[in-house]
PDB file of N, CA and C in Angstrom:
ATOM      1  N   MET A   1     -12.458   3.784  56.844  1.00  0.00           N
ATOM      2  CA  MET A   1     -12.961   4.742  57.607  1.00  0.00           C
ATOM      3  C   MET A   1     -12.654   6.267  57.393  1.00  0.00           C
ATOM      4  N   ILE A   2     -11.349   6.443  57.044  1.00  0.00           N
ATOM      5  CA  ILE A   2     -10.760   7.704  56.861  1.00  0.00           C
ATOM      6  C   ILE A   2     -11.493   8.392  55.414  1.00  0.00           C
ATOM      7  N   LEU A   3     -11.586   7.469  54.428  1.00  0.00           N
ATOM      8  CA  LEU A   3     -11.989   7.764  53.234  1.00  0.00           C
ATOM      9  C   LEU A   3     -13.484   8.166  53.544  1.00  0.00           C
ATOM     10  N   GLY A   4     -14.192   7.306  54.221  1.00  0.00           N
ATOM     11  CA  GLY A   4     -15.879   7.469  54.252  1.00  0.00           C
ATOM     12  C   GLY A   4     -16.270   9.025  55.118  1.00  0.00           C
ATOM     13  N   LEU A   5     -15.144   9.258  55.751  1.00  0.00           N
ATOM     14  CA  LEU A   5     -15.759  11.098  55.999  1.00  0.00           C
ATOM     15  C   LEU A   5     -14.752  11.662  55.271  1.00  0.00           C
ATOM     16  N   TYR A   6     -14.187  11.686  53.840  1.00  0.00           N
ATOM     17  CA  TYR A   6     -13.942  13.269  52.857  1.00  0.00           C
ATOM     18  C   TYR A   6     -14.693  14.076  53.133  1.00  0.00           C
ATOM     19  N   ASN A   7     -15.958  14.021  53.465  1.00  0.00           N
ATOM     20  CA  ASN A   7     -16.070  15.402  53.714  1.00  0.00           C
ATOM     21  C   ASN A   7     -15.903  16.253  54.895  1.00  0.00           C
ATOM     22  N   TYR A   8     -15.872  15.599  56.009  1.00  0.00           N
ATOM     23  CA  TYR A   8     -14.911  16.775  57.352  1.00  0.00           C
ATOM     24  C   TYR A   8     -14.194  17.099  56.855  1.00  0.00           C
ATOM     25  N   TRP A   9     -12.833  16.064  56.114  1.00  0.00           N
ATOM     26  CA  TRP A   9     -11.923  16.697  55.860  1.00  0.00           C
ATOM     27  C   TRP A   9     -11.750  17.894  55.215  1.00  0.00           C
ATOM     28  N   VAL A  10     -12.826  17.697  53.952  1.00  0.00           N
ATOM     29  CA  VAL A  10     -13.134  19.174  53.383  1.00  0.00           C
ATOM     30  C   VAL A  10     -13.285  20.362  54.055  1.00  0.00           C
ATOM     31  N   VAL A  11     -14.090  20.229  55.154  1.00  0.00           N
ATOM     32  CA  VAL A  11     -14.511  21.425  56.183  1.00  0.00           C
ATOM     33  C   VAL A  11     -13.118  21.753  56.703  1.00  0.00           C
ATOM     34  N   VAL A  12     -12.566  20.804  57.238  1.00  0.00           N
ATOM     35  CA  VAL A  12     -11.515  21.171  58.004  1.00  0.00           C
ATOM     36  C   VAL A  12     -10.093  21.933  57.097  1.00  0.00           C
ATOM     37  N   VAL A  13     -10.087  21.096  55.758  1.00  0.00           N
ATOM     38  CA  VAL A  13      -9.240  22.265  55.114  1.00  0.00           C
ATOM     39  C   VAL A  13      -9.300  23.463  54.647  1.00  0.00           C
ATOM     40  N   LEU A  14     -10.915  23.471  53.818  1.00  0.00           N
ATOM     41  CA  LEU A  14     -11.751  24.699  53.721  1.00  0.00           C
ATOM     42  C   LEU A  14     -11.246  25.646  55.158  1.00  0.00           C
ATOM     43  N   MET A  15     -12.107  25.262  56.547  1.00  0.00           N
ATOM     44  CA  MET A  15     -11.744  25.968  57.490  1.00  0.00           C
ATOM     45  C   MET A  15     -10.009  26.477  57.709  1.00  0.00           C
ATOM     46  N   MET A  16      -9.201  26.078  57.737  1.00  0.00           N
ATOM     47  CA  MET A  16      -8.033  26.193  57.743  1.00  0.00           C
ATOM     48  C   MET A  16      -7.606  27.412  56.659  1.00  0.00           C
ATOM     49  N   ILE A  17      -7.939  27.131  55.590  1.00  0.00           N
ATOM     50  CA  ILE A  17      -7.560  27.939  54.183  1.00  0.00           C
ATOM     51  C   ILE A  17      -7.900  29.073  54.333  1.00  0.00           C
ATOM     52  N   GLY A  18      -9.462  29.275  55.145  1.00  0.00           N
ATOM     53  CA  GLY A  18     -10.101  30.612  55.137  1.00  0.00           C
ATOM     54  C   GLY A  18      -9.566  31.264  56.385  1.00  0.00           C
ATOM     55  N   LEU A  19      -9.051  30.645  57.506  1.00  0.00           N
ATOM     56  CA  LEU A  19      -8.695  31.604  58.691  1.00  0.00           C
ATOM     57  C   LEU A  19      -7.353  31.881  58.593  1.00  0.00           C
ATOM     58  N   TYR A  20      -6.512  30.898  57.512  1.00  0.00           N
ATOM     59  CA  TYR A  20      -5.242  31.483  57.249  1.00  0.00           C
ATOM     60  C   TYR A  20      -5.320  32.789  56.301  1.00  0.00           C
ATOM     61  N   ILE A  21      -6.062  32.880  55.537  1.00  0.00           N
ATOM     62  CA  ILE A  21      -6.359  33.967  54.957  1.00  0.00           C
ATOM     63  C   ILE A  21      -6.412  35.356  55.697  1.00  0.00           C
ATOM     64  N   VAL A  22      -7.655  35.187  56.489  1.00  0.00           N
ATOM     65  CA  VAL A  22      -8.176  36.301  57.136  1.00  0.00           C
ATOM     66  C   VAL A  22      -7.164  36.616  58.310  1.00  0.00           C
ATOM     67  N   ILE A  23      -5.994  35.498  58.707  1.00  0.00           N
ATOM     68  CA  ILE A  23      -5.064  36.058  59.628  1.00  0.00           C
ATOM     69  C   ILE A  23      -3.785  36.717  59.139  1.00  0.00           C
ATOM     70  N   ALA A  24      -3.055  36.209  57.868  1.00  0.00           N
ATOM     71  CA  ALA A  24      -2.049  36.567  57.300  1.00  0.00           C
ATOM     72  C   ALA A  24      -1.862  37.670  56.065  1.00  0.00           C
ATOM     73  N   HIS A  25      -3.373  38.174  56.121  1.00  0.00           N
ATOM     74  CA  HIS A  25      -3.138  38.877  54.438  1.00  0.00           C
ATOM     75  C   HIS A  25      -4.146  40.333  55.047  1.00  0.00           C
ATOM     76  N   GLY A  26      -3.041  41.405  55.312  1.00  0.00           N
ATOM     77  CA  GLY A  26      -3.462  42.546  55.332  1.00  0.00           C
ATOM     78  C   GLY A  26      -4.778  43.265  54.236  1.00  0.00           C
ATOM     79  N   ASN A  27      -5.077  42.899  53.052  1.00  0.00           N
ATOM     80  CA  ASN A  27      -6.100  42.875  52.396  1.00  0.00           C
ATOM     81  C   ASN A  27      -7.433  43.079  52.604  1.00  0.00           C
ATOM     82  N   LEU A  28      -7.916  43.814  52.170  1.00  0.00           N
ATOM     83  CA  LEU A  28      -9.336  43.562  53.139  1.00  0.00           C
ATOM     84  C   LEU A  28     -10.319  42.841  52.076  1.00  0.00           C
ATOM     85  N   ILE A  29     -10.090  42.946  50.787  1.00  0.00           N
ATOM     86  CA  ILE A  29     -10.563  42.271  49.649  1.00  0.00           C
ATOM     87  C   ILE A  29     -10.257  40.610  50.174  1.00  0.00           C
ATOM     88  N   LYS A  30      -9.087  40.380  49.955  1.00  0.00           N
ATOM     89  CA  LYS A  30      -8.582  38.932  50.740  1.00  0.00           C
ATOM     90  C   LYS A  30      -9.153  38.466  52.131  1.00  0.00           C
ATOM     91  N   LYS A  31      -9.416  39.468  53.150  1.00  0.00           N
ATOM     92  CA  LYS A  31      -9.878  39.118  54.244  1.00  0.00           C
ATOM     93  C   LYS A  31     -11.945  38.532  54.186  1.00  0.00           C
ATOM     94  N   ILE A  32     -12.153  39.328  53.151  1.00  0.00           N
ATOM     95  CA  ILE A  32     -13.590  39.249  52.915  1.00  0.00           C
ATOM     96  C   ILE A  32     -13.796  37.899  52.113  1.00  0.00           C
ATOM     97  N   VAL A  33     -12.464  37.534  51.232  1.00  0.00           N
ATOM     98  CA  VAL A  33     -12.947  36.185  50.411  1.00  0.00           C
ATOM     99  C   VAL A  33     -12.559  35.202  51.582  1.00  0.00           C
ATOM    100  N   GLY A  34     -11.568  35.206  52.795  1.00  0.00           N
ATOM    101  CA  GLY A  34     -10.987  34.743  53.321  1.00  0.00           C
ATOM    102  C   GLY A  34     -12.651  34.293  54.370  1.00  0.00           C
ATOM    103  N   LEU A  35     -13.080  34.873  54.634  1.00  0.00           N
ATOM    104  CA  LEU A  35     -14.014  34.720  55.929  1.00  0.00           C
ATOM    105  C   LEU A  35     -15.472  34.053  55.030  1.00  0.00           C
ATOM    106  N   THR A  36     -15.439  34.465  53.576  1.00  0.00           N
ATOM    107  CA  THR A  36     -16.452  33.486  52.860  1.00  0.00           C
ATOM    108  C   THR A  36     -16.346  32.045  52.453  1.00  0.00           C
ATOM    109  N   ILE A  37     -14.867  32.137  52.471  1.00  0.00           N
ATOM    110  CA  ILE A  37     -14.529  30.607  52.072  1.00  0.00           C
ATOM    111  C   ILE A  37     -14.825  29.824  53.871  1.00  0.00           C
ATOM    112  N   PHE A  38     -14.135  30.153  54.861  1.00  0.00           N
ATOM    113  CA  PHE A  38     -14.556  29.694  56.177  1.00  0.00           C
ATOM    114  C   PHE A  38     -16.424  29.623  56.166  1.00  0.00           C
ATOM    115  N   GLN A  39     -16.919  30.551  55.932  1.00  0.00           N
ATOM    116  CA  GLN A  39     -18.508  30.289  56.023  1.00  0.00           C
ATOM    117  C   GLN A  39     -19.216  29.168  55.210  1.00  0.00           C
ATOM    118  N   THR A  40     -18.483  29.276  54.235  1.00  0.00           N
ATOM    119  CA  THR A  40     -18.735  27.897  53.303  1.00  0.00           C
ATOM    120  C   THR A  40     -18.340  26.552  54.121  1.00  0.00           C
ATOM    121  N   ALA A  41     -17.384  26.664  54.442  1.00  0.00           N
ATOM    122  CA  ALA A  41     -16.718  25.323  55.512  1.00  0.00           C
ATOM    123  C   ALA A  41     -17.863  25.019  56.760  1.00  0.00           C
ATOM    124  N   VAL A  42     -18.233  26.114  57.197  1.00  0.00           N
ATOM    125  CA  VAL A  42     -19.397  25.727  58.013  1.00  0.00           C
ATOM    126  C   VAL A  42     -20.855  25.192  57.517  1.00  0.00           C
ATOM    127  N   PHE A  43     -20.977  25.616  56.005  1.00  0.00           N
ATOM    128  CA  PHE A  43     -22.277  25.361  55.603  1.00  0.00           C
ATOM    129  C   PHE A  43     -21.767  23.793  55.122  1.00  0.00           C
ATOM    130  N   ILE A  44     -20.957  23.720  54.593  1.00  0.00           N
ATOM    131  CA  ILE A  44     -20.887  21.804  54.409  1.00  0.00           C
ATOM    132  C   ILE A  44     -20.735  21.266  55.584  1.00  0.00           C
ATOM    133  N   PHE A  45     -20.395  21.747  57.051  1.00  0.00           N
ATOM    134  CA  PHE A  45     -20.366  20.883  58.054  1.00  0.00           C
ATOM    135  C   PHE A  45     -21.593  20.844  58.450  1.00  0.00           C
ATOM    136  N   TYR A  46     -22.776  21.602  58.602  1.00  0.00           N
ATOM    137  CA  TYR A  46     -24.088  21.583  59.247  1.00  0.00           C
ATOM    138  C   TYR A  46     -24.686  20.711  57.883  1.00  0.00           C
ATOM    139  N   ILE A  47     -24.444  20.966  56.915  1.00  0.00           N
ATOM    140  CA  ILE A  47     -25.323  20.225  55.804  1.00  0.00           C
ATOM    141  C   ILE A  47     -24.673  18.101  56.202  1.00  0.00           C
ATOM    142  N   SER A  48     -23.560  18.210  56.639  1.00  0.00           N
ATOM    143  CA  SER A  48     -23.009  16.911  56.477  1.00  0.00           C
ATOM    144  C   SER A  48     -23.382  16.248  57.668  1.00  0.00           C
ATOM    145  N   MET A  49     -23.857  16.860  58.831  1.00  0.00           N
ATOM    146  CA  MET A  49     -24.159  16.662  59.876  1.00  0.00           C
ATOM    147  C   MET A  49     -25.638  16.146  59.659  1.00  0.00           C
ATOM    148  N   ALA A  50     -26.632  17.020  59.086  1.00  0.00           N
ATOM    149  CA  ALA A  50     -27.971  16.717  58.930  1.00  0.00           C
ATOM    150  C   ALA A  50     -27.995  15.450  57.943  1.00  0.00           C
ATOM    151  N   LYS A  51     -26.908  14.895  57.547  1.00  0.00           N
ATOM    152  CA  LYS A  51     -27.188  13.444  56.298  1.00  0.00           C
ATOM    153  C   LYS A  51     -27.838  12.705  57.594  1.00  0.00           C
ATOM    154  N   VAL A  52     -28.745  11.621  56.792  1.00  0.00           N
ATOM    155  CA  VAL A  52     -29.339  10.424  57.339  1.00  0.00           C
ATOM    156  C   VAL A  52     -29.041   9.505  56.596  1.00  0.00           C
ATOM    157  N   ASP A  53     -28.151   8.577  56.678  1.00  0.00           N
ATOM    158  CA  ASP A  53     -28.526   7.175  56.302  1.00  0.00           C
ATOM    159  C   ASP A  53     -29.515   6.880  55.739  1.00  0.00           C
ATOM    160  N   GLY A  54     -29.967   6.146  54.830  1.00  0.00           N
ATOM    161  CA  GLY A  54     -30.914   5.283  54.572  1.00  0.00           C
ATOM    162  C   GLY A  54     -32.701   6.053  54.714  1.00  0.00           C
ATOM    163  N   ALA A  55     -32.333   7.487  55.055  1.00  0.00           N
ATOM    164  CA  ALA A  55     -33.708   8.425  54.860  1.00  0.00           C
ATOM    165  C   ALA A  55     -33.883   9.108  53.656  1.00  0.00           C
ATOM    166  N   THR A  56     -35.454   9.207  53.973  1.00  0.00           N
ATOM    167  CA  THR A  56     -35.623   9.880  52.465  1.00  0.00           C
ATOM    168  C   THR A  56     -36.506  11.124  52.363  1.00  0.00           C
ATOM    169  N   ALA A  57     -36.703  11.826  51.804  1.00  0.00           N
ATOM    170  CA  ALA A  57     -37.170  13.110  52.017  1.00  0.00           C
ATOM    171  C   ALA A  57     -38.584  12.877  52.735  1.00  0.00           C
ATOM    172  N   PRO A  58     -38.890  14.045  53.197  1.00  0.00           N
ATOM    173  CA  PRO A  58     -40.156  13.809  53.952  1.00  0.00           C
ATOM    174  C   PRO A  58     -41.598  13.874  53.740  1.00  0.00           C
ATOM    175  N   VAL A  59     -41.953  12.888  52.639  1.00  0.00           N
ATOM    176  CA  VAL A  59     -43.287  12.657  51.782  1.00  0.00           C
ATOM    177  C   VAL A  59     -43.547  11.385  52.251  1.00  0.00           C
ATOM    178  N   LEU A  60     -44.928  11.343  52.572  1.00  0.00           N
ATOM    179  CA  LEU A  60     -45.319  10.098  52.920  1.00  0.00           C
ATOM    180  C   LEU A  60     -45.514   9.549  51.784  1.00  0.00           C
ATOM    181  N   ALA A  61     -45.152   7.903  52.509  1.00  0.00           N
ATOM    182  CA  ALA A  61     -45.190   6.708  51.126  1.00  0.00           C
ATOM    183  C   ALA A  61     -44.912   5.586  51.545  1.00  0.00           C
ATOM    184  N   GLU A  62     -45.454   4.987  51.392  1.00  0.00           N
ATOM    185  CA  GLU A  62     -45.723   3.407  51.782  1.00  0.00           C
ATOM    186  C   GLU A  62     -44.360   3.168  51.785  1.00  0.00           C
ATOM    187  N   GLY A  63     -43.835   2.151  52.686  1.00  0.00           N
ATOM    188  CA  GLY A  63     -42.572   1.365  52.787  1.00  0.00           C
ATOM    189  C   GLY A  63     -41.579   2.176  53.368  1.00  0.00           C
ATOM    190  N   ILE A  64     -41.484   3.153  53.820  1.00  0.00           N
ATOM    191  CA  ILE A  64     -40.748   4.468  54.245  1.00  0.00           C
ATOM    192  C   ILE A  64     -40.840   4.358  55.505  1.00  0.00           C
ATOM    193  N   SER A  65     -39.951   4.144  56.327  1.00  0.00           N
ATOM    194  CA  SER A  65     -39.724   4.259  57.941  1.00  0.00           C
ATOM    195  C   SER A  65     -39.153   5.473  58.512  1.00  0.00           C
ATOM    196  N   GLN A  66     -38.202   6.069  57.333  1.00  0.00           N
ATOM    197  CA  GLN A  66     -37.241   6.531  58.142  1.00  0.00           C
ATOM    198  C   GLN A  66     -36.758   8.140  57.191  1.00  0.00           C
ATOM    199  N   TYR A  67     -37.214   8.974  57.892  1.00  0.00           N
ATOM    200  CA  TYR A  67     -37.082  10.309  57.164  1.00  0.00           C
ATOM    201  C   TYR A  67     -35.792  11.351  57.439  1.00  0.00           C
ATOM    202  N   SER A  68     -35.810  12.282  56.199  1.00  0.00           N
ATOM    203  CA  SER A  68     -34.825  13.169  56.600  1.00  0.00           C
ATOM    204  C   SER A  68     -35.063  14.011  57.338  1.00  0.00           C
ATOM    205  N   ASN A  69     -35.164  14.979  58.043  1.00  0.00           N
ATOM    206  CA  ASN A  69     -35.333  16.746  58.481  1.00  0.00           C
ATOM    207  C   ASN A  69     -35.088  17.314  57.434  1.00  0.00           C
ATOM    208  N   PRO A  70     -35.923  18.271  57.090  1.00  0.00           N
ATOM    209  CA  PRO A  70     -35.611  19.217  56.207  1.00  0.00           C
ATOM    210  C   PRO A  70     -34.952  20.797  56.628  1.00  0.00           C
ATOM    211  N   LEU A  71     -35.140  21.021  58.115  1.00  0.00           N
ATOM    212  CA  LEU A  71     -34.782  22.101  58.691  1.00  0.00           C
ATOM    213  C   LEU A  71     -33.994  22.348  58.277  1.00  0.00           C
ATOM    214  N   PRO A  72     -32.571  21.204  58.947  1.00  0.00           N
ATOM    215  CA  PRO A  72     -30.702  21.995  58.524  1.00  0.00           C
ATOM    216  C   PRO A  72     -30.977  22.916  56.922  1.00  0.00           C
ATOM    217  N   HIS A  73     -31.411  22.248  56.096  1.00  0.00           N
ATOM    218  CA  HIS A  73     -31.036  22.328  54.952  1.00  0.00           C
ATOM    219  C   HIS A  73     -31.419  24.015  54.794  1.00  0.00           C
ATOM    220  N   VAL A  74     -33.152  24.046  54.803  1.00  0.00           N
ATOM    221  CA  VAL A  74     -33.680  25.368  55.548  1.00  0.00           C
ATOM    222  C   VAL A  74     -33.062  26.600  55.541  1.00  0.00           C
ATOM    223  N   LEU A  75     -32.032  26.198  56.909  1.00  0.00           N
ATOM    224  CA  LEU A  75     -31.379  26.876  57.965  1.00  0.00           C
ATOM    225  C   LEU A  75     -30.381  27.321  56.945  1.00  0.00           C
ATOM    226  N   ILE A  76     -29.577  26.728  55.910  1.00  0.00           N
ATOM    227  CA  ILE A  76     -28.309  26.776  55.806  1.00  0.00           C
ATOM    228  C   ILE A  76     -29.139  27.664  54.731  1.00  0.00           C
ATOM    229  N   LEU A  77     -30.450  27.446  53.563  1.00  0.00           N
ATOM    230  CA  LEU A  77     -30.425  28.176  52.610  1.00  0.00           C
ATOM    231  C   LEU A  77     -30.431  29.787  52.991  1.00  0.00           C
ATOM    232  N   THR A  78     -31.265  29.628  54.120  1.00  0.00           N
ATOM    233  CA  THR A  78     -31.538  31.176  54.875  1.00  0.00           C
ATOM    234  C   THR A  78     -29.914  31.916  55.217  1.00  0.00           C
ATOM    235  N   ALA A  79     -29.207  31.093  55.843  1.00  0.00           N
ATOM    236  CA  ALA A  79     -27.861  31.714  55.960  1.00  0.00           C
ATOM    237  C   ALA A  79     -26.825  31.548  54.678  1.00  0.00           C
ATOM    238  N   ILE A  80     -27.156  31.125  53.449  1.00  0.00           N
ATOM    239  CA  ILE A  80     -26.562  31.474  52.361  1.00  0.00           C
ATOM    240  C   ILE A  80     -27.033  33.024  51.808  1.00  0.00           C
ATOM    241  N   VAL A  81     -28.314  33.202  52.214  1.00  0.00           N
ATOM    242  CA  VAL A  81     -28.596  34.779  51.786  1.00  0.00           C
ATOM    243  C   VAL A  81     -28.333  35.727  52.475  1.00  0.00           C
ATOM    244  N   VAL A  82     -28.082  34.977  53.859  1.00  0.00           N
ATOM    245  CA  VAL A  82     -27.492  36.605  54.764  1.00  0.00           C
ATOM    246  C   VAL A  82     -26.075  36.306  54.326  1.00  0.00           C
ATOM    247  N   GLY A  83     -25.489  35.585  53.860  1.00  0.00           N
ATOM    248  CA  GLY A  83     -24.332  35.463  54.076  1.00  0.00           C
ATOM    249  C   GLY A  83     -23.929  36.399  52.844  1.00  0.00           C
ATOM    250  N   ILE A  84     -24.244  36.374  51.378  1.00  0.00           N
ATOM    251  CA  ILE A  84     -24.196  37.085  50.047  1.00  0.00           C
ATOM    252  C   ILE A  84     -24.313  38.436  50.839  1.00  0.00           C
ATOM    253  N   ALA A  85     -25.551  38.703  51.675  1.00  0.00           N
ATOM    254  CA  ALA A  85     -25.966  40.196  52.246  1.00  0.00           C
ATOM    255  C   ALA A  85     -24.766  40.639  52.885  1.00  0.00           C
ATOM    256  N   THR A  86     -24.146  39.743  53.735  1.00  0.00           N
ATOM    257  CA  THR A  86     -23.297  40.721  54.624  1.00  0.00           C
ATOM    258  C   THR A  86     -21.764  40.575  53.654  1.00  0.00           C
ATOM    259  N   VAL A  87     -21.779  39.825  52.651  1.00  0.00           N
ATOM    260  CA  VAL A  87     -20.195  39.910  51.710  1.00  0.00           C
ATOM    261  C   VAL A  87     -20.429  41.101  51.056  1.00  0.00           C
ATOM    262  N   ALA A  88     -21.617  41.378  50.415  1.00  0.00           N
ATOM    263  CA  ALA A  88     -22.153  42.650  49.901  1.00  0.00           C
ATOM    264  C   ALA A  88     -21.935  43.854  50.460  1.00  0.00           C
ATOM    265  N   LEU A  89     -22.238  43.580  51.816  1.00  0.00           N
ATOM    266  CA  LEU A  89     -21.757  44.949  52.571  1.00  0.00           C
ATOM    267  C   LEU A  89     -20.497  45.415  52.889  1.00  0.00           C
ATOM    268  N   GLY A  90     -19.894  44.121  53.013  1.00  0.00           N
ATOM    269  CA  GLY A  90     -18.313  44.352  53.357  1.00  0.00           C
ATOM    270  C   GLY A  90     -17.827  44.920  51.902  1.00  0.00           C
ATOM    271  N   LEU A  91     -17.781  44.240  51.339  1.00  0.00           N
ATOM    272  CA  LEU A  91     -17.451  44.941  49.595  1.00  0.00           C
ATOM    273  C   LEU A  91     -17.558  46.083  49.581  1.00  0.00           C
ATOM    274  N   ALA A  92     -18.832  46.956  50.040  1.00  0.00           N
ATOM    275  CA  ALA A  92     -19.574  47.992  49.553  1.00  0.00           C
ATOM    276  C   ALA A  92     -18.506  48.943  50.901  1.00  0.00           C
ATOM    277  N   LEU A  93     -18.341  48.425  51.585  1.00  0.00           N
ATOM    278  CA  LEU A  93     -17.429  49.366  52.761  1.00  0.00           C
ATOM    279  C   LEU A  93     -15.985  49.110  52.485  1.00  0.00           C
ATOM    280  N   ALA A  94     -15.649  48.197  51.704  1.00  0.00           N
ATOM    281  CA  ALA A  94     -14.128  48.150  51.396  1.00  0.00           C
ATOM    282  C   ALA A  94     -13.833  49.150  50.422  1.00  0.00           C
ATOM    283  N   VAL A  95     -14.857  49.865  49.288  1.00  0.00           N
ATOM    284  CA  VAL A  95     -14.793  50.388  48.125  1.00  0.00           C
ATOM    285  C   VAL A  95     -15.032  52.043  48.982  1.00  0.00           C
ATOM    286  N   ARG A  96     -15.824  52.123  50.435  1.00  0.00           N
ATOM    287  CA  ARG A  96     -15.858  53.546  50.789  1.00  0.00           C
ATOM    288  C   ARG A  96     -14.600  53.478  51.691  1.00  0.00           C
ATOM    289  N   ILE A  97     -14.348  52.793  52.200  1.00  0.00           N
ATOM    290  CA  ILE A  97     -12.607  52.639  52.819  1.00  0.00           C
ATOM    291  C   ILE A  97     -11.506  52.848  51.831  1.00  0.00           C
ATOM    292  N   ASN A  98     -11.802  52.339  50.380  1.00  0.00           N
ATOM    293  CA  ASN A  98     -10.857  52.573  49.869  1.00  0.00           C
ATOM    294  C   ASN A  98     -11.039  54.155  48.995  1.00  0.00           C
ATOM    295  N   GLU A  99     -11.916  54.834  48.844  1.00  0.00           N
ATOM    296  CA  GLU A  99     -12.330  56.378  48.888  1.00  0.00           C
ATOM    297  C   GLU A  99     -11.968  57.000  49.735  1.00  0.00           C
ATOM    298  N   ALA A 100     -11.845  56.613  50.836  1.00  0.00           N
ATOM    299  CA  ALA A 100     -11.471  57.769  51.818  1.00  0.00           C
ATOM    300  C   ALA A 100     -10.272  57.491  52.457  1.00  0.00           C
ATOM    301  N   TYR A 101      -9.254  56.387  52.232  1.00  0.00           N
ATOM    302  CA  TYR A 101      -8.190  56.636  52.514  1.00  0.00           C
ATOM    303  C   TYR A 101      -7.077  55.781  51.257  1.00  0.00           C
ATOM    304  N   GLY A 102      -7.487  55.690  50.258  1.00  0.00           N
ATOM    305  CA  GLY A 102      -7.332  55.479  49.073  1.00  0.00           C
ATOM    306  C   GLY A 102      -6.173  54.293  48.742  1.00  0.00           C
ATOM    307  N   SER A 103      -6.356  53.394  50.351  1.00  0.00           N
ATOM    308  CA  SER A 103      -5.774  52.238  49.612  1.00  0.00           C
ATOM    309  C   SER A 103      -6.913  51.397  50.804  1.00  0.00           C
ATOM    310  N   ILE A 104      -6.719  49.753  50.506  1.00  0.00           N
ATOM    311  CA  ILE A 104      -7.439  48.464  51.086  1.00  0.00           C
ATOM    312  C   ILE A 104      -6.553  47.955  51.807  1.00  0.00           C
ATOM    313  N   GLU A 105      -4.991  48.152  52.619  1.00  0.00           N
ATOM    314  CA  GLU A 105      -4.402  47.527  52.918  1.00  0.00           C
ATOM    315  C   GLU A 105      -4.550  47.945  54.245  1.00  0.00           C
ATOM    316  N   GLU A 106      -4.324  47.117  55.330  1.00  0.00           N
ATOM    317  CA  GLU A 106      -4.854  47.195  56.835  1.00  0.00           C
ATOM    318  C   GLU A 106      -4.172  48.297  57.574  1.00  0.00           C
ATOM    319  N   GLU A 107      -2.514  47.790  56.736  1.00  0.00           N
ATOM    320  CA  GLU A 107      -1.494  48.333  57.866  1.00  0.00           C
ATOM    321  C   GLU A 107      -1.309  50.026  57.244  1.00  0.00           C
ATOM    322  N   SER A 108      -1.543  50.145  56.072  1.00  0.00           N
ATOM    323  CA  SER A 108      -1.409  51.659  55.288  1.00  0.00           C
ATOM    324  C   SER A 108      -2.332  52.997  56.202  1.00  0.00           C
ATOM    325  N   ILE A 109      -3.789  51.696  56.375  1.00  0.00           N
ATOM    326  CA  ILE A 109      -5.410  52.551  56.617  1.00  0.00           C
ATOM    327  C   ILE A 109      -4.780  52.824  58.288  1.00  0.00           C
ATOM    328  N   GLN A 110      -4.194  52.192  59.324  1.00  0.00           N
ATOM    329  CA  GLN A 110      -4.028  52.355  60.667  1.00  0.00           C
ATOM    330  C   GLN A 110      -2.952  53.371  60.304  1.00  0.00           C
ATOM    331  N   ASN A 111      -1.990  53.265  60.174  1.00  0.00           N
ATOM    332  CA  ASN A 111      -0.595  54.444  59.857  1.00  0.00           C
ATOM    333  C   ASN A 111      -1.246  55.699  59.179  1.00  0.00           C
ATOM    334  N   GLN A 112      -2.394  55.805  58.396  1.00  0.00           N
ATOM    335  CA  GLN A 112      -2.856  57.398  58.179  1.00  0.00           C
ATOM    336  C   GLN A 112      -3.880  57.519  59.079  1.00  0.00           C
ATOM    337  N   ASP A 113      -4.310  56.584  60.382  1.00  0.00           N
ATOM    338  CA  ASP A 113      -5.141  56.828  61.339  1.00  0.00           C
ATOM    339  C   ASP A 113      -4.268  57.509  62.594  1.00  0.00           C
ATOM    340  N   ASN A 114      -3.051  56.705  62.569  1.00  0.00           N
ATOM    341  CA  ASN A 114      -2.177  56.986  63.391  1.00  0.00           C
ATOM    342  C   ASN A 114      -1.827  58.624  63.301  1.00  0.00           C
ATOM    343  N   GLN A 115      -1.496  59.129  62.131  1.00  0.00           N
ATOM    344  CA  GLN A 115      -0.765  60.235  61.849  1.00  0.00           C
ATOM    345  C   GLN A 115      -1.607  61.479  61.776  1.00  0.00           C
ATOM    346  N   GLU A 116      -2.997  60.982  61.931  1.00  0.00           N
ATOM    347  CA  GLU A 116      -3.956  62.271  62.340  1.00  0.00           C
ATOM    348  C   GLU A 116      -4.023  62.230  63.702  1.00  0.00           C
ATOM    349  N   CYS A 117      -4.036  61.456  64.431  1.00  0.00           N
ATOM    350  CA  CYS A 117      -4.356  61.808  65.867  1.00  0.00           C
ATOM    351  C   CYS A 117      -3.442  62.866  66.451  1.00  0.00           C
TER     352      CYS A 117
END
């Protein structure tokens, strides 16, 4: 029973790894990597939920009575493209923050902001 649900265990492990990285590290690049890992876990979960046992691709053929819905997979493809764009934007912001503050460590940036006030 438990071995049959290994993909859900992978999702849980990836989510916890991503969440830990986001919470535990102050480096902005590491936070972006953690969010990407978490996002990948969500993609795997969504695709796992869309899997239908015994179903085939939605192509009309004789002898096939159960079809799989392609919509979840299409949505995940769109989400992957949006995720790549979001990661690229986050990395570009990290570069600009590094140019402005000389660091990508969250604590160092906050200290510099507090000294300016």
